[in-house]
């Protein structure tokens, strides 16, 4: 069975400066999510390799690029776009990605590359931004219940 992308659930903490997290769904107006594991690799040649290289993954960072349309009044989008002029810790918060099988990645993140809204005069305002997990996110294995409710 093929995976359907709308069965993924993304949530962002819109109250990172408060004691209690407020995890808002990141879905309204979002048309695509493109995860990348951004492997850092070492490619080394050794004398016993006959001139051929060996590759090792020596680091990684999980990022997710989002694209869609700007929906004013959506708590997650409003939070992200309110951070557009912030730098440093101003864009830091927590993020959760639940996959259709029920597995989750959660952790500290940085909001980057906030763009838009932009586009043609007669079109919806197009947006894009990225979520970069800071360090290794916490992995929760599938719960066996079939994942995100749909």
N, C-alpha and C. Protein backbone atom coordinates (compact mmCIF):
# COMPACT_ATOMS: atom_id res chain seq x y z
N UNK A 1 0.85 -1.17 0.00
CA UNK A 1 0.00 0.00 0.00
C UNK A 1 0.90 1.24 0.00
N UNK A 2 0.56 2.20 -0.85
CA UNK A 2 1.33 3.42 -0.94
C UNK A 2 0.96 4.38 0.19
N UNK A 3 1.96 5.07 0.66
CA UNK A 3 1.75 6.06 1.70
C UNK A 3 1.14 7.33 1.10
N UNK A 4 0.19 7.90 1.79
CA UNK A 4 -0.44 9.15 1.37
C UNK A 4 0.09 10.26 2.29
N UNK A 5 0.60 11.31 1.69
CA UNK A 5 1.26 12.36 2.48
C UNK A 5 0.33 13.07 3.45
N UNK A 6 -0.98 13.14 3.15
CA UNK A 6 -1.86 13.84 4.09
C UNK A 6 -2.11 13.03 5.35
N UNK A 7 -1.52 11.86 5.46
CA UNK A 7 -1.62 11.06 6.69
C UNK A 7 -0.48 11.38 7.65
N UNK A 8 0.46 12.24 7.24
CA UNK A 8 1.52 12.70 8.13
C UNK A 8 0.96 13.84 8.96
N UNK A 9 1.37 13.91 10.21
CA UNK A 9 0.93 14.98 11.11
C UNK A 9 2.15 15.77 11.57
N UNK A 10 2.11 17.09 11.38
CA UNK A 10 3.18 17.98 11.81
C UNK A 10 2.60 18.96 12.82
N UNK A 11 3.32 19.16 13.92
CA UNK A 11 2.89 20.11 14.95
C UNK A 11 4.09 20.93 15.40
N UNK A 12 3.82 22.21 15.68
CA UNK A 12 4.87 23.12 16.12
C UNK A 12 4.43 23.79 17.42
N UNK A 13 5.38 23.95 18.33
CA UNK A 13 5.10 24.60 19.61
C UNK A 13 5.05 26.11 19.38
N UNK A 14 3.87 26.70 19.55
CA UNK A 14 3.70 28.14 19.31
C UNK A 14 3.86 28.97 20.58
N UNK A 15 4.20 28.31 21.70
CA UNK A 15 4.46 29.03 22.96
C UNK A 15 5.79 28.56 23.56
N UNK A 16 6.90 28.70 22.82
CA UNK A 16 8.17 28.17 23.31
C UNK A 16 8.70 28.86 24.56
N UNK A 17 8.25 30.08 24.84
CA UNK A 17 8.73 30.81 26.01
C UNK A 17 7.88 30.58 27.25
N UNK A 18 6.87 29.73 27.13
CA UNK A 18 6.01 29.45 28.27
C UNK A 18 6.30 28.06 28.83
N UNK A 19 5.89 27.85 30.07
CA UNK A 19 6.16 26.57 30.74
C UNK A 19 5.43 25.41 30.07
N UNK A 20 4.21 25.65 29.61
CA UNK A 20 3.40 24.61 28.97
C UNK A 20 3.44 24.79 27.46
N UNK A 21 3.75 23.72 26.74
CA UNK A 21 3.77 23.77 25.28
C UNK A 21 2.36 23.85 24.71
N UNK A 22 2.22 24.59 23.62
CA UNK A 22 0.99 24.61 22.85
C UNK A 22 1.36 24.12 21.46
N UNK A 23 1.08 22.86 21.18
CA UNK A 23 1.44 22.24 19.91
C UNK A 23 0.31 22.48 18.91
N UNK A 24 0.56 23.34 17.93
CA UNK A 24 -0.42 23.69 16.91
C UNK A 24 -0.18 22.85 15.66
N UNK A 25 -1.24 22.33 15.05
CA UNK A 25 -1.08 21.58 13.81
C UNK A 25 -0.53 22.48 12.70
N UNK A 26 0.42 21.95 11.97
CA UNK A 26 0.97 22.64 10.82
C UNK A 26 0.44 21.91 9.59
N UNK A 27 -0.71 22.36 9.10
CA UNK A 27 -1.39 21.65 8.01
C UNK A 27 -2.19 22.60 7.12
N UNK A 28 -2.95 23.51 7.71
CA UNK A 28 -3.81 24.40 6.92
C UNK A 28 -2.96 25.24 5.97
N UNK A 29 -3.31 25.20 4.69
CA UNK A 29 -2.58 25.96 3.68
C UNK A 29 -1.30 25.30 3.20
N UNK A 30 -0.88 24.23 3.85
CA UNK A 30 0.37 23.56 3.48
C UNK A 30 0.09 22.50 2.43
N UNK A 31 0.78 22.60 1.30
CA UNK A 31 0.54 21.67 0.20
C UNK A 31 1.59 20.58 0.10
N UNK A 32 2.81 20.83 0.59
CA UNK A 32 3.84 19.79 0.48
C UNK A 32 4.82 19.89 1.63
N UNK A 33 5.37 18.74 1.97
CA UNK A 33 6.42 18.62 2.98
C UNK A 33 7.48 17.70 2.41
N UNK A 34 8.73 18.16 2.38
CA UNK A 34 9.83 17.40 1.80
C UNK A 34 10.92 17.17 2.85
N UNK A 35 10.89 15.99 3.52
CA UNK A 35 11.94 15.69 4.49
C UNK A 35 13.28 15.38 3.81
N UNK A 36 14.35 15.73 4.48
CA UNK A 36 15.69 15.42 4.02
C UNK A 36 16.54 15.06 5.24
N UNK A 37 17.37 14.06 5.08
CA UNK A 37 18.18 13.62 6.21
C UNK A 37 19.60 14.20 6.17
N UNK A 38 19.92 14.94 5.12
CA UNK A 38 21.16 15.72 5.04
C UNK A 38 22.38 15.01 5.62
N UNK A 39 22.70 13.88 5.05
CA UNK A 39 23.86 13.13 5.51
C UNK A 39 25.16 13.91 5.29
N UNK A 40 26.01 13.89 6.29
CA UNK A 40 27.38 14.38 6.14
C UNK A 40 28.23 13.13 5.98
N UNK A 41 28.99 13.10 4.90
CA UNK A 41 29.73 11.88 4.61
C UNK A 41 31.23 12.15 4.55
N UNK A 42 31.98 11.11 4.83
CA UNK A 42 33.43 11.11 4.64
C UNK A 42 33.73 10.08 3.56
N UNK A 43 34.44 10.52 2.54
CA UNK A 43 34.84 9.61 1.47
C UNK A 43 36.36 9.55 1.48
N UNK A 44 36.87 8.39 1.83
CA UNK A 44 38.31 8.23 2.00
C UNK A 44 38.82 7.11 1.12
N UNK A 45 40.04 7.31 0.61
CA UNK A 45 40.73 6.27 -0.16
C UNK A 45 41.87 5.72 0.69
N UNK A 46 41.97 4.42 0.71
CA UNK A 46 43.04 3.77 1.45
C UNK A 46 43.92 2.99 0.48
N UNK A 47 45.15 2.75 0.88
CA UNK A 47 46.10 2.07 0.01
C UNK A 47 45.62 0.69 -0.42
N UNK A 48 44.83 0.04 0.42
CA UNK A 48 44.37 -1.31 0.07
C UNK A 48 43.10 -1.29 -0.78
N UNK A 49 42.62 -0.11 -1.18
CA UNK A 49 41.38 -0.02 -1.95
C UNK A 49 41.57 0.10 -3.45
N UNK A 50 42.80 0.05 -3.92
CA UNK A 50 43.05 0.12 -5.35
C UNK A 50 42.60 1.43 -5.98
N UNK A 51 42.59 2.52 -5.21
CA UNK A 51 42.19 3.81 -5.74
C UNK A 51 40.71 4.12 -5.57
N UNK A 52 39.94 3.15 -5.08
CA UNK A 52 38.52 3.37 -4.88
C UNK A 52 38.25 3.86 -3.46
N UNK A 53 37.19 4.67 -3.32
CA UNK A 53 36.84 5.28 -2.03
C UNK A 53 35.88 4.42 -1.23
N UNK A 54 35.90 4.65 0.07
CA UNK A 54 34.89 4.12 0.99
C UNK A 54 34.11 5.31 1.52
N UNK A 55 32.83 5.09 1.76
CA UNK A 55 31.97 6.16 2.27
C UNK A 55 31.43 5.78 3.63
N UNK A 56 31.50 6.73 4.57
CA UNK A 56 30.89 6.58 5.89
C UNK A 56 30.01 7.79 6.15
N UNK A 57 28.83 7.56 6.73
CA UNK A 57 27.99 8.65 7.18
C UNK A 57 28.51 9.04 8.56
N UNK A 58 28.97 10.29 8.69
CA UNK A 58 29.57 10.71 9.95
C UNK A 58 28.73 11.75 10.69
N UNK A 59 27.62 12.15 10.10
CA UNK A 59 26.73 13.11 10.74
C UNK A 59 25.47 13.28 9.91
N UNK A 60 24.48 13.92 10.49
CA UNK A 60 23.22 14.14 9.78
C UNK A 60 22.42 15.23 10.47
N UNK A 61 21.47 15.78 9.75
CA UNK A 61 20.48 16.69 10.33
C UNK A 61 19.19 16.50 9.55
N UNK A 62 18.11 16.29 10.26
CA UNK A 62 16.81 16.12 9.62
C UNK A 62 16.19 17.50 9.44
N UNK A 63 15.81 17.79 8.18
CA UNK A 63 15.12 19.03 7.87
C UNK A 63 13.86 18.69 7.07
N UNK A 64 12.88 19.57 7.15
CA UNK A 64 11.65 19.39 6.37
C UNK A 64 11.33 20.73 5.72
N UNK A 65 11.23 20.74 4.39
CA UNK A 65 10.87 21.94 3.64
C UNK A 65 9.37 21.92 3.38
N UNK A 66 8.69 22.99 3.73
CA UNK A 66 7.24 23.12 3.54
C UNK A 66 6.94 24.17 2.48
N UNK A 67 5.91 23.90 1.69
CA UNK A 67 5.42 24.85 0.68
C UNK A 67 3.90 24.88 0.76
N UNK A 68 3.33 26.05 0.46
CA UNK A 68 1.88 26.15 0.48
C UNK A 68 1.41 27.56 0.22
N UNK A 69 0.26 27.88 0.82
CA UNK A 69 -0.35 29.19 0.68
C UNK A 69 -0.50 29.82 2.07
N UNK A 70 -0.30 31.13 2.14
CA UNK A 70 -0.37 31.84 3.42
C UNK A 70 -1.82 31.92 3.87
N UNK A 71 -2.08 31.41 5.07
CA UNK A 71 -3.41 31.47 5.67
C UNK A 71 -3.32 32.29 6.95
N UNK A 72 -3.68 33.56 6.86
CA UNK A 72 -3.67 34.42 8.04
C UNK A 72 -4.72 33.93 9.03
N UNK A 73 -4.37 33.94 10.30
CA UNK A 73 -5.27 33.46 11.33
C UNK A 73 -5.00 32.02 11.74
N UNK A 74 -4.21 31.29 10.96
CA UNK A 74 -3.82 29.94 11.35
C UNK A 74 -2.71 30.08 12.40
N UNK A 75 -2.89 29.51 13.60
CA UNK A 75 -1.91 29.70 14.67
C UNK A 75 -0.48 29.29 14.31
N UNK A 76 -0.31 28.16 13.61
CA UNK A 76 1.04 27.71 13.26
C UNK A 76 1.69 28.65 12.25
N UNK A 77 0.94 28.99 11.20
CA UNK A 77 1.51 29.89 10.20
C UNK A 77 1.78 31.28 10.77
N UNK A 78 0.86 31.80 11.57
CA UNK A 78 1.07 33.12 12.17
C UNK A 78 2.33 33.12 13.04
N UNK A 79 2.54 32.06 13.82
CA UNK A 79 3.73 31.95 14.65
C UNK A 79 4.99 31.97 13.79
N UNK A 80 5.00 31.16 12.73
CA UNK A 80 6.18 31.07 11.87
C UNK A 80 6.48 32.41 11.21
N UNK A 81 5.47 33.05 10.65
CA UNK A 81 5.72 34.30 9.93
C UNK A 81 5.98 35.48 10.87
N UNK A 82 5.55 35.39 12.13
CA UNK A 82 5.92 36.40 13.12
C UNK A 82 7.41 36.32 13.45
N UNK A 83 8.06 35.21 13.13
CA UNK A 83 9.48 35.01 13.41
C UNK A 83 10.38 35.41 12.25
N UNK A 84 9.82 35.87 11.14
CA UNK A 84 10.58 36.11 9.92
C UNK A 84 11.76 37.07 10.12
N UNK A 85 11.64 38.04 11.02
CA UNK A 85 12.72 39.00 11.22
C UNK A 85 13.59 38.63 12.42
N UNK A 86 13.29 37.53 13.08
CA UNK A 86 14.07 37.12 14.24
C UNK A 86 15.31 36.34 13.83
N UNK A 87 16.32 36.44 14.65
CA UNK A 87 17.54 35.65 14.46
C UNK A 87 17.91 35.00 15.79
N UNK A 88 18.85 34.09 15.73
CA UNK A 88 19.29 33.41 16.95
C UNK A 88 18.17 32.58 17.54
N UNK A 89 18.02 32.67 18.84
CA UNK A 89 17.04 31.84 19.53
C UNK A 89 15.60 32.26 19.28
N UNK A 90 15.37 33.40 18.61
CA UNK A 90 14.01 33.87 18.34
C UNK A 90 13.23 32.88 17.48
N UNK A 91 13.92 32.08 16.69
CA UNK A 91 13.24 31.13 15.81
C UNK A 91 13.28 29.70 16.33
N UNK A 92 13.71 29.52 17.54
CA UNK A 92 13.84 28.18 18.12
C UNK A 92 12.55 27.78 18.82
N UNK A 93 12.13 26.53 18.62
CA UNK A 93 10.94 26.00 19.27
C UNK A 93 11.02 24.48 19.26
N UNK A 94 9.90 23.82 19.46
CA UNK A 94 9.83 22.35 19.42
C UNK A 94 8.93 21.93 18.27
N UNK A 95 9.18 20.73 17.77
CA UNK A 95 8.47 20.25 16.60
C UNK A 95 8.18 18.77 16.74
N UNK A 96 7.06 18.34 16.16
CA UNK A 96 6.68 16.92 16.19
C UNK A 96 6.24 16.49 14.79
N UNK A 97 6.77 15.37 14.35
CA UNK A 97 6.38 14.78 13.06
C UNK A 97 5.91 13.36 13.33
N UNK A 98 4.60 13.12 13.16
CA UNK A 98 4.05 11.77 13.31
C UNK A 98 3.78 11.21 11.93
N UNK A 99 4.33 10.03 11.68
CA UNK A 99 4.17 9.38 10.39
C UNK A 99 2.96 8.47 10.40
N UNK A 100 2.47 8.06 9.22
CA UNK A 100 1.25 7.26 9.15
C UNK A 100 1.28 5.96 9.96
N UNK A 101 2.47 5.41 10.21
CA UNK A 101 2.54 4.17 10.99
C UNK A 101 2.50 4.43 12.49
N UNK A 102 2.42 5.70 12.89
CA UNK A 102 2.35 6.05 14.31
C UNK A 102 3.70 6.40 14.91
N UNK A 103 4.79 6.20 14.19
CA UNK A 103 6.10 6.58 14.72
C UNK A 103 6.20 8.11 14.75
N UNK A 104 7.01 8.62 15.69
CA UNK A 104 7.13 10.07 15.86
C UNK A 104 8.59 10.47 15.99
N UNK A 105 8.88 11.65 15.47
CA UNK A 105 10.13 12.34 15.73
C UNK A 105 9.76 13.65 16.42
N UNK A 106 10.34 13.90 17.58
CA UNK A 106 10.08 15.13 18.32
C UNK A 106 11.39 15.73 18.78
N UNK A 107 11.44 17.04 18.84
CA UNK A 107 12.64 17.67 19.36
C UNK A 107 12.70 19.15 19.12
N UNK A 108 13.80 19.71 19.60
CA UNK A 108 14.10 21.12 19.44
C UNK A 108 14.35 21.40 17.96
N UNK A 109 13.91 22.57 17.49
CA UNK A 109 14.11 22.89 16.08
C UNK A 109 14.35 24.37 15.88
N UNK A 110 14.74 24.69 14.65
CA UNK A 110 14.91 26.07 14.21
C UNK A 110 14.08 26.25 12.95
N UNK A 111 13.37 27.38 12.85
CA UNK A 111 12.60 27.71 11.66
C UNK A 111 13.52 28.53 10.76
N UNK A 112 13.69 28.10 9.51
CA UNK A 112 14.63 28.77 8.61
C UNK A 112 13.99 29.05 7.26
N UNK A 113 14.67 29.90 6.48
CA UNK A 113 14.32 30.18 5.09
C UNK A 113 12.84 30.51 4.89
N UNK A 114 12.32 31.40 5.75
CA UNK A 114 10.93 31.83 5.65
C UNK A 114 10.79 32.74 4.42
N UNK A 115 9.92 32.36 3.49
CA UNK A 115 9.73 33.14 2.27
C UNK A 115 8.25 33.35 1.99
N UNK A 116 7.93 34.54 1.47
CA UNK A 116 6.56 34.84 1.05
C UNK A 116 5.80 35.60 2.11
N UNK A 117 4.54 35.79 1.83
CA UNK A 117 3.79 35.31 0.67
C UNK A 117 4.14 36.10 -0.58
N UNK A 118 4.07 35.42 -1.71
CA UNK A 118 4.36 36.03 -2.99
C UNK A 118 3.62 35.30 -4.09
N UNK A 119 3.71 35.84 -5.31
CA UNK A 119 3.08 35.21 -6.45
C UNK A 119 2.34 36.20 -7.33
N UNK A 120 1.59 35.65 -8.25
CA UNK A 120 0.84 36.46 -9.21
C UNK A 120 -0.31 37.20 -8.54
N UNK A 121 -0.75 38.30 -9.17
CA UNK A 121 -1.79 39.16 -8.63
C UNK A 121 -3.10 38.42 -8.37
N UNK A 122 -3.45 37.47 -9.21
CA UNK A 122 -4.71 36.76 -9.05
C UNK A 122 -4.58 35.42 -8.38
N UNK A 123 -3.46 35.17 -7.71
CA UNK A 123 -3.21 33.86 -7.09
C UNK A 123 -3.12 33.97 -5.58
N UNK A 124 -3.25 32.85 -4.91
CA UNK A 124 -3.04 32.80 -3.46
C UNK A 124 -1.56 33.07 -3.18
N UNK A 125 -1.28 33.70 -2.05
CA UNK A 125 0.09 34.01 -1.67
C UNK A 125 0.87 32.74 -1.36
N UNK A 126 1.91 32.48 -2.14
CA UNK A 126 2.73 31.28 -1.96
C UNK A 126 3.78 31.51 -0.89
N UNK A 127 3.99 30.47 -0.07
CA UNK A 127 4.95 30.54 1.03
C UNK A 127 5.85 29.31 1.01
N UNK A 128 6.98 29.45 1.69
CA UNK A 128 7.83 28.30 1.96
C UNK A 128 8.66 28.60 3.21
N UNK A 129 9.05 27.55 3.88
CA UNK A 129 9.91 27.65 5.06
C UNK A 129 10.43 26.26 5.35
N UNK A 130 11.42 26.20 6.22
CA UNK A 130 12.00 24.91 6.60
C UNK A 130 12.02 24.78 8.12
N UNK A 131 11.90 23.54 8.56
CA UNK A 131 12.10 23.19 9.96
C UNK A 131 13.37 22.35 10.02
N UNK A 132 14.33 22.77 10.84
CA UNK A 132 15.58 22.03 11.01
C UNK A 132 15.62 21.51 12.45
N UNK A 133 15.60 20.20 12.61
CA UNK A 133 15.77 19.65 13.95
C UNK A 133 17.17 20.00 14.43
N UNK A 134 17.28 20.45 15.67
CA UNK A 134 18.57 20.73 16.29
C UNK A 134 19.02 19.48 17.05
N UNK A 135 20.03 18.82 16.55
CA UNK A 135 20.49 17.59 17.16
C UNK A 135 19.59 16.43 16.77
N UNK A 136 19.80 15.33 17.42
CA UNK A 136 19.03 14.12 17.11
C UNK A 136 17.65 14.20 17.76
N UNK A 137 16.59 14.11 16.96
CA UNK A 137 15.25 14.13 17.56
C UNK A 137 14.97 12.82 18.30
N UNK A 138 14.04 12.89 19.23
CA UNK A 138 13.61 11.69 19.94
C UNK A 138 12.71 10.88 19.02
N UNK A 139 13.01 9.59 18.90
CA UNK A 139 12.22 8.71 18.05
C UNK A 139 11.32 7.85 18.92
N UNK A 140 10.03 7.83 18.60
CA UNK A 140 9.06 6.95 19.24
C UNK A 140 8.59 5.96 18.19
N UNK A 141 8.78 4.65 18.44
CA UNK A 141 8.38 3.67 17.43
C UNK A 141 6.87 3.62 17.22
N UNK A 142 6.44 2.97 16.13
CA UNK A 142 5.00 2.88 15.84
C UNK A 142 4.23 2.32 17.03
N UNK A 143 3.00 2.82 17.18
CA UNK A 143 2.18 2.41 18.33
C UNK A 143 1.32 1.20 18.03
N UNK A 144 1.32 0.75 16.77
CA UNK A 144 0.53 -0.43 16.41
C UNK A 144 -0.94 -0.15 16.22
N UNK A 145 -1.36 1.13 16.36
CA UNK A 145 -2.77 1.47 16.21
C UNK A 145 -3.11 1.97 14.81
N UNK A 146 -2.17 1.88 13.89
CA UNK A 146 -2.44 2.35 12.54
C UNK A 146 -2.05 3.78 12.29
N UNK A 147 -1.42 4.44 13.24
CA UNK A 147 -0.87 5.75 13.01
C UNK A 147 -1.87 6.87 13.14
N UNK A 148 -1.61 7.92 12.38
CA UNK A 148 -2.41 9.14 12.43
C UNK A 148 -3.83 8.84 11.97
N UNK A 149 -4.78 9.32 12.74
CA UNK A 149 -6.19 9.10 12.37
C UNK A 149 -6.50 9.93 11.13
N UNK A 150 -7.25 9.35 10.22
CA UNK A 150 -7.56 10.04 8.98
C UNK A 150 -8.94 10.04 8.68
